[in-house]
Amino acid sequence: MRKMDWIDEEKERRQHGVNRPLLQSEHAEVNARYPGCTLEYCCECGKATGRAGRCDDSLFIDDDGPYCKECFDARVESEELPLDSLSPMPDNASGREEKP
């Protein structure tokens, strides 16, 4: 039996509803072994957002989200929302550096 590494541990966490911010390179490594494991889905339409998570580039309006780009744009256009309620969070908001 293969020893668990960080990728296996990440899959286990996510199966139990515990998500943590990952770098794009980490998402790629996890999804290479477990396709779709770290995919994020739109809270409106259920489609994959193609984004990396709230601490990276996910689209939220206050605490609502994540949204795909189309649903995010539609909601912003349909409501008058204050700019401070919109995200994505700044690049590298997790404070973690990319692996070389």
N, C-alpha and C. Protein backbone atom coordinates (compact mmCIF):
# COMPACT_ATOMS: atom_id res chain seq x y z
N MET A 1 0.84 -1.18 0.00
CA MET A 1 0.00 0.00 0.00
C MET A 1 0.89 1.25 0.00
N ARG A 2 0.52 2.20 -0.86
CA ARG A 2 1.29 3.43 -1.00
C ARG A 2 1.06 4.33 0.22
N LYS A 3 2.13 4.97 0.69
CA LYS A 3 2.04 5.92 1.80
C LYS A 3 1.32 7.18 1.32
N MET A 4 0.45 7.75 2.17
CA MET A 4 -0.26 8.98 1.82
C MET A 4 0.71 10.15 1.76
N ASP A 5 0.57 10.97 0.73
CA ASP A 5 1.35 12.20 0.65
C ASP A 5 0.38 13.38 0.76
N TRP A 6 0.88 14.59 0.56
CA TRP A 6 0.04 15.78 0.74
C TRP A 6 -1.14 15.79 -0.22
N ILE A 7 -0.99 15.19 -1.41
CA ILE A 7 -2.09 15.17 -2.38
C ILE A 7 -3.21 14.26 -1.87
N ASP A 8 -2.86 13.12 -1.34
CA ASP A 8 -3.87 12.22 -0.76
C ASP A 8 -4.55 12.89 0.44
N GLU A 9 -3.76 13.57 1.25
CA GLU A 9 -4.32 14.26 2.42
C GLU A 9 -5.28 15.37 1.99
N GLU A 10 -4.93 16.08 0.92
CA GLU A 10 -5.81 17.14 0.41
C GLU A 10 -7.13 16.55 -0.07
N LYS A 11 -7.07 15.42 -0.77
CA LYS A 11 -8.30 14.76 -1.23
C LYS A 11 -9.16 14.37 -0.03
N GLU A 12 -8.55 13.80 1.00
CA GLU A 12 -9.29 13.39 2.21
C GLU A 12 -9.96 14.60 2.86
N ARG A 13 -9.21 15.70 3.00
CA ARG A 13 -9.78 16.92 3.59
C ARG A 13 -11.02 17.37 2.82
N ARG A 14 -10.90 17.42 1.50
CA ARG A 14 -11.99 17.90 0.66
C ARG A 14 -13.19 16.97 0.71
N GLN A 15 -12.96 15.67 0.84
CA GLN A 15 -14.07 14.73 0.97
C GLN A 15 -14.83 14.95 2.27
N HIS A 16 -14.17 15.55 3.26
CA HIS A 16 -14.80 15.85 4.54
C HIS A 16 -15.23 17.31 4.64
N GLY A 17 -15.23 18.01 3.51
CA GLY A 17 -15.71 19.39 3.47
C GLY A 17 -14.74 20.43 3.97
N VAL A 18 -13.48 20.07 4.13
CA VAL A 18 -12.48 21.01 4.61
C VAL A 18 -11.63 21.45 3.42
N ASN A 19 -11.78 22.70 3.03
CA ASN A 19 -11.01 23.24 1.92
C ASN A 19 -10.02 24.26 2.44
N ARG A 20 -8.87 24.28 1.85
CA ARG A 20 -7.87 25.28 2.18
C ARG A 20 -7.39 25.89 0.89
N PRO A 21 -6.87 27.11 0.94
CA PRO A 21 -6.37 27.74 -0.28
C PRO A 21 -5.20 26.96 -0.85
N LEU A 22 -5.21 26.80 -2.16
CA LEU A 22 -4.11 26.15 -2.86
C LEU A 22 -3.58 27.09 -3.93
N LEU A 23 -2.31 26.96 -4.21
CA LEU A 23 -1.73 27.67 -5.34
C LEU A 23 -2.17 26.98 -6.62
N GLN A 24 -2.11 27.68 -7.73
CA GLN A 24 -2.49 27.08 -9.01
C GLN A 24 -1.67 25.82 -9.29
N SER A 25 -0.39 25.86 -8.97
CA SER A 25 0.46 24.69 -9.20
C SER A 25 0.01 23.51 -8.34
N GLU A 26 -0.46 23.78 -7.12
CA GLU A 26 -0.95 22.72 -6.24
C GLU A 26 -2.27 22.14 -6.76
N HIS A 27 -3.17 23.02 -7.23
CA HIS A 27 -4.41 22.53 -7.86
C HIS A 27 -4.08 21.58 -8.99
N ALA A 28 -3.11 21.95 -9.82
CA ALA A 28 -2.74 21.12 -10.97
C ALA A 28 -2.23 19.76 -10.51
N GLU A 29 -1.42 19.74 -9.46
CA GLU A 29 -0.89 18.46 -8.96
C GLU A 29 -2.00 17.57 -8.41
N VAL A 30 -2.91 18.14 -7.63
CA VAL A 30 -4.02 17.36 -7.06
C VAL A 30 -4.91 16.83 -8.18
N ASN A 31 -5.27 17.69 -9.11
CA ASN A 31 -6.18 17.28 -10.19
C ASN A 31 -5.53 16.31 -11.18
N ALA A 32 -4.21 16.30 -11.27
CA ALA A 32 -3.54 15.33 -12.12
C ALA A 32 -3.75 13.92 -11.58
N ARG A 33 -3.75 13.79 -10.26
CA ARG A 33 -3.96 12.47 -9.65
C ARG A 33 -5.44 12.17 -9.45
N TYR A 34 -6.21 13.18 -9.02
CA TYR A 34 -7.64 13.02 -8.75
C TYR A 34 -8.41 14.05 -9.58
N PRO A 35 -8.69 13.74 -10.84
CA PRO A 35 -9.36 14.71 -11.71
C PRO A 35 -10.66 15.25 -11.09
N GLY A 36 -10.75 16.58 -11.09
CA GLY A 36 -11.94 17.25 -10.58
C GLY A 36 -11.99 17.43 -9.08
N CYS A 37 -10.98 16.97 -8.37
CA CYS A 37 -10.99 17.02 -6.91
C CYS A 37 -11.11 18.44 -6.37
N THR A 38 -10.42 19.37 -6.98
CA THR A 38 -10.42 20.73 -6.45
C THR A 38 -11.22 21.70 -7.32
N LEU A 39 -12.10 21.14 -8.16
CA LEU A 39 -12.91 22.04 -8.97
C LEU A 39 -13.88 22.83 -8.09
N GLU A 40 -14.11 24.06 -8.48
CA GLU A 40 -15.04 24.93 -7.78
C GLU A 40 -16.26 25.12 -8.68
N TYR A 41 -17.45 25.07 -8.09
CA TYR A 41 -18.68 25.15 -8.86
C TYR A 41 -19.47 26.40 -8.50
N CYS A 42 -20.13 26.98 -9.51
CA CYS A 42 -20.92 28.20 -9.36
C CYS A 42 -22.14 27.93 -8.47
N CYS A 43 -22.40 28.84 -7.54
CA CYS A 43 -23.54 28.69 -6.64
C CYS A 43 -24.87 28.95 -7.34
N GLU A 44 -24.85 29.57 -8.51
CA GLU A 44 -26.07 29.87 -9.26
C GLU A 44 -26.42 28.76 -10.26
N CYS A 45 -25.48 28.42 -11.14
CA CYS A 45 -25.78 27.51 -12.24
C CYS A 45 -25.19 26.11 -12.07
N GLY A 46 -24.28 25.94 -11.13
CA GLY A 46 -23.69 24.64 -10.87
C GLY A 46 -22.54 24.25 -11.79
N LYS A 47 -22.18 25.11 -12.73
CA LYS A 47 -21.07 24.80 -13.63
C LYS A 47 -19.73 25.07 -12.95
N ALA A 48 -18.68 24.39 -13.41
CA ALA A 48 -17.34 24.65 -12.90
C ALA A 48 -16.97 26.10 -13.20
N THR A 49 -16.40 26.79 -12.22
CA THR A 49 -16.07 28.20 -12.40
C THR A 49 -14.77 28.41 -13.16
N GLY A 50 -13.90 27.42 -13.15
CA GLY A 50 -12.59 27.60 -13.78
C GLY A 50 -11.66 28.45 -12.94
N ARG A 51 -12.01 28.63 -11.69
CA ARG A 51 -11.21 29.45 -10.79
C ARG A 51 -10.64 28.60 -9.66
N ALA A 52 -9.81 29.21 -8.81
CA ALA A 52 -9.00 28.43 -7.89
C ALA A 52 -9.45 28.42 -6.44
N GLY A 53 -10.34 29.25 -6.02
CA GLY A 53 -10.74 29.28 -4.63
C GLY A 53 -10.76 30.70 -4.09
N ARG A 54 -11.47 30.89 -3.00
CA ARG A 54 -11.72 32.23 -2.48
C ARG A 54 -10.44 33.02 -2.21
N CYS A 55 -9.39 32.39 -1.79
CA CYS A 55 -8.16 33.13 -1.51
C CYS A 55 -7.33 33.39 -2.76
N ASP A 56 -7.81 32.93 -3.89
CA ASP A 56 -7.10 33.18 -5.13
C ASP A 56 -7.94 34.11 -6.00
N ASP A 57 -8.71 33.57 -6.93
CA ASP A 57 -9.40 34.45 -7.87
C ASP A 57 -10.91 34.18 -7.99
N SER A 58 -11.49 33.53 -7.01
CA SER A 58 -12.92 33.23 -7.08
C SER A 58 -13.75 34.50 -7.02
N LEU A 59 -14.93 34.43 -7.61
CA LEU A 59 -15.83 35.57 -7.65
C LEU A 59 -16.91 35.42 -6.58
N PHE A 60 -16.93 36.37 -5.65
CA PHE A 60 -17.91 36.40 -4.58
C PHE A 60 -18.55 37.78 -4.53
N ILE A 61 -19.76 37.85 -4.02
CA ILE A 61 -20.43 39.10 -3.70
C ILE A 61 -20.77 38.99 -2.22
N ASP A 62 -20.08 39.76 -1.41
CA ASP A 62 -20.12 39.60 0.05
C ASP A 62 -19.79 38.15 0.36
N ASP A 63 -20.68 37.43 1.03
CA ASP A 63 -20.42 36.02 1.35
C ASP A 63 -21.08 35.07 0.37
N ASP A 64 -21.72 35.60 -0.68
CA ASP A 64 -22.37 34.75 -1.68
C ASP A 64 -21.38 34.35 -2.75
N GLY A 65 -21.37 33.09 -3.07
CA GLY A 65 -20.49 32.60 -4.12
C GLY A 65 -20.04 31.21 -3.80
N PRO A 66 -19.17 30.70 -4.59
CA PRO A 66 -18.51 31.33 -5.74
C PRO A 66 -19.41 31.37 -6.96
N TYR A 67 -19.15 32.32 -7.85
CA TYR A 67 -19.89 32.49 -9.10
C TYR A 67 -18.98 32.22 -10.29
N CYS A 68 -19.56 31.70 -11.37
CA CYS A 68 -18.83 31.70 -12.64
C CYS A 68 -18.89 33.13 -13.17
N LYS A 69 -18.08 33.44 -14.15
CA LYS A 69 -18.00 34.81 -14.68
C LYS A 69 -19.35 35.28 -15.21
N GLU A 70 -20.07 34.39 -15.91
CA GLU A 70 -21.35 34.78 -16.50
C GLU A 70 -22.39 35.12 -15.43
N CYS A 71 -22.51 34.28 -14.40
CA CYS A 71 -23.48 34.54 -13.34
C CYS A 71 -23.08 35.74 -12.49
N PHE A 72 -21.79 35.92 -12.26
CA PHE A 72 -21.29 37.07 -11.51
C PHE A 72 -21.66 38.36 -12.25
N ASP A 73 -21.34 38.41 -13.56
CA ASP A 73 -21.65 39.60 -14.35
C ASP A 73 -23.16 39.86 -14.38
N ALA A 74 -23.96 38.81 -14.51
CA ALA A 74 -25.42 38.97 -14.55
C ALA A 74 -25.94 39.53 -13.24
N ARG A 75 -25.40 39.03 -12.13
CA ARG A 75 -25.87 39.52 -10.83
C ARG A 75 -25.46 40.96 -10.60
N VAL A 76 -24.23 41.31 -10.99
CA VAL A 76 -23.75 42.68 -10.83
C VAL A 76 -24.60 43.63 -11.67
N GLU A 77 -24.92 43.23 -12.90
CA GLU A 77 -25.73 44.07 -13.78
C GLU A 77 -27.16 44.20 -13.30
N SER A 78 -27.70 43.19 -12.63
CA SER A 78 -29.10 43.21 -12.22
C SER A 78 -29.33 43.95 -10.91
N GLU A 79 -28.27 44.19 -10.16
CA GLU A 79 -28.41 44.85 -8.86
C GLU A 79 -27.41 46.00 -8.76
N GLU A 80 -27.76 46.98 -7.97
CA GLU A 80 -26.79 48.03 -7.68
C GLU A 80 -26.02 47.61 -6.45
N LEU A 81 -24.80 47.18 -6.64
CA LEU A 81 -23.98 46.66 -5.55
C LEU A 81 -22.83 47.61 -5.26
N PRO A 82 -22.55 47.86 -3.98
CA PRO A 82 -21.39 48.69 -3.65
C PRO A 82 -20.12 47.96 -4.05
N LEU A 83 -19.14 48.70 -4.52
CA LEU A 83 -17.90 48.11 -5.00
C LEU A 83 -17.19 47.27 -3.94
N ASP A 84 -17.32 47.64 -2.66
CA ASP A 84 -16.62 46.88 -1.63
C ASP A 84 -17.26 45.52 -1.36
N SER A 85 -18.41 45.24 -1.97
CA SER A 85 -19.04 43.93 -1.79
C SER A 85 -18.57 42.93 -2.84
N LEU A 86 -17.81 43.40 -3.83
CA LEU A 86 -17.39 42.54 -4.92
C LEU A 86 -15.97 42.05 -4.70
N SER A 87 -15.68 40.85 -5.15
CA SER A 87 -14.32 40.34 -5.14
C SER A 87 -14.06 39.82 -6.52
N PRO A 88 -12.95 39.50 -7.04
CA PRO A 88 -12.03 38.58 -6.40
C PRO A 88 -11.08 39.26 -5.45
N MET A 89 -10.50 38.43 -4.58
CA MET A 89 -9.49 38.91 -3.66
C MET A 89 -8.22 39.15 -4.46
N PRO A 90 -7.31 39.95 -3.94
CA PRO A 90 -6.07 40.24 -4.66
C PRO A 90 -5.26 38.99 -4.94
N ASP A 91 -4.42 39.06 -5.99
CA ASP A 91 -3.54 37.95 -6.31
C ASP A 91 -2.70 37.59 -5.09
N ASN A 92 -2.50 36.30 -4.93
CA ASN A 92 -1.68 35.76 -3.85
C ASN A 92 -2.16 36.22 -2.47
N ALA A 93 -3.49 36.29 -2.27
CA ALA A 93 -4.05 36.71 -0.99
C ALA A 93 -3.72 35.72 0.12
N SER A 94 -3.39 34.51 -0.25
CA SER A 94 -3.04 33.51 0.76
C SER A 94 -1.69 33.79 1.37
N GLY A 95 -0.88 34.63 0.73
CA GLY A 95 0.44 34.95 1.22
C GLY A 95 1.47 33.87 0.96
N ARG A 96 1.06 32.84 0.24
CA ARG A 96 1.96 31.74 -0.06
C ARG A 96 2.64 31.98 -1.39
N GLU A 97 3.85 31.52 -1.50
CA GLU A 97 4.59 31.71 -2.74
C GLU A 97 4.45 30.50 -3.64
N GLU A 98 4.52 30.75 -4.95
CA GLU A 98 4.51 29.66 -5.93
C GLU A 98 5.73 28.79 -5.74
N LYS A 99 5.56 27.49 -5.92
CA LYS A 99 6.70 26.58 -5.93
C LYS A 99 7.46 26.76 -7.23
N PRO A 100 8.81 26.67 -7.18
CA PRO A 100 9.58 26.84 -8.43
C PRO A 100 9.33 25.71 -9.40
